[in-house]
Every structure is written in structure tokens, then in C-alpha cells.
Amino acid sequence: MVSGEETVKNLCKNFQGKVVSQKGSHVKIKLESGRVTIVPNHRELDRFTLKGALDLAGISLEEFYEKL
């Protein structure tokens, strides 16, 4: 399990993302590819929530965990 904070850091550092905005606990990230994803800043992300956020970003789970 990964946290929302770890996910945001990984997307920003390894996938050239930038935090665009935050509304409540949801962080909007725009990637260099132009895709936008929303990551809930929770202590633990459910695997389906993580997969959904990565699908929006166009990143596979394997690719995400390789760079974690």
C-alpha cells in the first residue's frame, strides 16, 4: 500500500508532474504529457483508487512501482 503523499511525490519526481491545485484532500497533478490526474491525499490508497489515478495519467502499475 502506498499513501497519497508518496504517490504525489513519485508522480512529480519521476513522471515530471506538477501540482496544479488542491481541493480538500484531493491533489490535481498535470504531467508533462499534458494528462491530468487526481490523487486523494490519504494515509493509504486503495488499490483501485491508485489504479484509477494512474489510468488517468496513462501510467501502468508496474511502471509506477518500478520508479517508487
C-alpha atoms as a PDB file:
ATOM      1  CA  MET A   1       0.000   0.000   0.000  1.00  0.00           C
ATOM      2  CA  VAL A   2       1.162   3.494  -0.758  1.00  0.00           C
ATOM      3  CA  SER A   3      -0.060   6.784   0.644  1.00  0.00           C
ATOM      4  CA  GLY A   4      -1.419   9.685  -1.338  1.00  0.00           C
ATOM      5  CA  GLU A   5       1.633  11.732  -0.377  1.00  0.00           C
ATOM      6  CA  GLU A   6       4.033   9.065  -1.704  1.00  0.00           C
ATOM      7  CA  THR A   7       2.022   8.848  -4.913  1.00  0.00           C
ATOM      8  CA  VAL A   8       2.116  12.608  -5.465  1.00  0.00           C
ATOM      9  CA  LYS A   9       5.878  12.728  -4.797  1.00  0.00           C
ATOM     10  CA  ASN A  10       6.521   9.837  -7.196  1.00  0.00           C
ATOM     11  CA  LEU A  11       4.398  11.371  -9.955  1.00  0.00           C
ATOM     12  CA  CYS A  12       6.093  14.754  -9.580  1.00  0.00           C
ATOM     13  CA  LYS A  13       9.663  13.461  -9.306  1.00  0.00           C
ATOM     14  CA  ASN A  14       9.715  10.520 -11.703  1.00  0.00           C
ATOM     15  CA  PHE A  15       6.960  11.386 -14.180  1.00  0.00           C
ATOM     16  CA  GLN A  16       7.572  15.165 -14.448  1.00  0.00           C
ATOM     17  CA  GLY A  17       4.278  16.134 -12.848  1.00  0.00           C
ATOM     18  CA  LYS A  18       3.375  19.430 -11.235  1.00  0.00           C
ATOM     19  CA  VAL A  19       0.770  20.029  -8.562  1.00  0.00           C
ATOM     20  CA  VAL A  20      -1.798  22.313 -10.155  1.00  0.00           C
ATOM     21  CA  SER A  21      -4.268  22.664  -7.307  1.00  0.00           C
ATOM     22  CA  GLN A  22      -5.700  21.027  -4.230  1.00  0.00           C
ATOM     23  CA  LYS A  23      -9.299  20.984  -3.093  1.00  0.00           C
ATOM     24  CA  GLY A  24      -9.747  19.377   0.289  1.00  0.00           C
ATOM     25  CA  SER A  25      -7.722  16.193   0.310  1.00  0.00           C
ATOM     26  CA  HIS A  26      -7.640  15.808  -3.488  1.00  0.00           C
ATOM     27  CA  VAL A  27      -4.495  16.898  -5.321  1.00  0.00           C
ATOM     28  CA  LYS A  28      -4.645  17.682  -9.049  1.00  0.00           C
ATOM     29  CA  ILE A  29      -1.428  16.873 -10.925  1.00  0.00           C
ATOM     30  CA  LYS A  30      -0.615  17.802 -14.513  1.00  0.00           C
ATOM     31  CA  LEU A  31       2.009  15.635 -16.165  1.00  0.00           C
ATOM     32  CA  GLU A  32       4.498  16.667 -18.831  1.00  0.00           C
ATOM     33  CA  SER A  33       2.481  14.608 -21.327  1.00  0.00           C
ATOM     34  CA  GLY A  34      -0.429  17.008 -20.770  1.00  0.00           C
ATOM     35  CA  ARG A  35      -2.545  14.453 -18.933  1.00  0.00           C
ATOM     36  CA  VAL A  36      -4.168  15.394 -15.634  1.00  0.00           C
ATOM     37  CA  THR A  37      -4.911  13.113 -12.697  1.00  0.00           C
ATOM     38  CA  ILE A  38      -6.427  13.486  -9.257  1.00  0.00           C
ATOM     39  CA  VAL A  39      -4.830  11.805  -6.229  1.00  0.00           C
ATOM     40  CA  PRO A  40      -6.580  11.701  -2.852  1.00  0.00           C
ATOM     41  CA  ASN A  41      -4.089  12.648  -0.145  1.00  0.00           C
ATOM     42  CA  HIS A  42      -5.000   9.776   2.161  1.00  0.00           C
ATOM     43  CA  ARG A  43      -2.824   7.755   4.518  1.00  0.00           C
ATOM     44  CA  GLU A  44      -3.363   4.614   2.413  1.00  0.00           C
ATOM     45  CA  LEU A  45      -4.746   4.442  -1.094  1.00  0.00           C
ATOM     46  CA  ASP A  46      -6.992   1.550  -2.017  1.00  0.00           C
ATOM     47  CA  ARG A  47      -5.527  -0.399  -4.953  1.00  0.00           C
ATOM     48  CA  PHE A  48      -8.495   0.516  -7.176  1.00  0.00           C
ATOM     49  CA  THR A  49      -8.164   4.205  -6.303  1.00  0.00           C
ATOM     50  CA  LEU A  50      -4.462   4.109  -7.174  1.00  0.00           C
ATOM     51  CA  LYS A  51      -5.141   2.249 -10.421  1.00  0.00           C
ATOM     52  CA  GLY A  52      -7.811   4.787 -11.370  1.00  0.00           C
ATOM     53  CA  ALA A  53      -5.484   7.723 -10.759  1.00  0.00           C
ATOM     54  CA  LEU A  54      -2.708   6.055 -12.758  1.00  0.00           C
ATOM     55  CA  ASP A  55      -5.080   5.206 -15.613  1.00  0.00           C
ATOM     56  CA  LEU A  56      -5.960   8.898 -15.902  1.00  0.00           C
ATOM     57  CA  ALA A  57      -2.237   9.667 -16.019  1.00  0.00           C
ATOM     58  CA  GLY A  58      -1.557   6.964 -18.609  1.00  0.00           C
ATOM     59  CA  ILE A  59       0.875   5.107 -16.314  1.00  0.00           C
ATOM     60  CA  SER A  60       0.808   1.362 -15.623  1.00  0.00           C
ATOM     61  CA  LEU A  61       1.010  -0.011 -12.091  1.00  0.00           C
ATOM     62  CA  GLU A  62       4.259  -1.803 -12.963  1.00  0.00           C
ATOM     63  CA  GLU A  63       5.846   1.385 -14.282  1.00  0.00           C
ATOM     64  CA  PHE A  64       4.715   3.294 -11.183  1.00  0.00           C
ATOM     65  CA  TYR A  65       6.112   0.721  -8.730  1.00  0.00           C
ATOM     66  CA  GLU A  66       9.413   0.434 -10.639  1.00  0.00           C
ATOM     67  CA  LYS A  67      10.085   4.116 -10.011  1.00  0.00           C
ATOM     68  CA  LEU A  68       8.741   4.200  -6.452  1.00  0.00           C
END
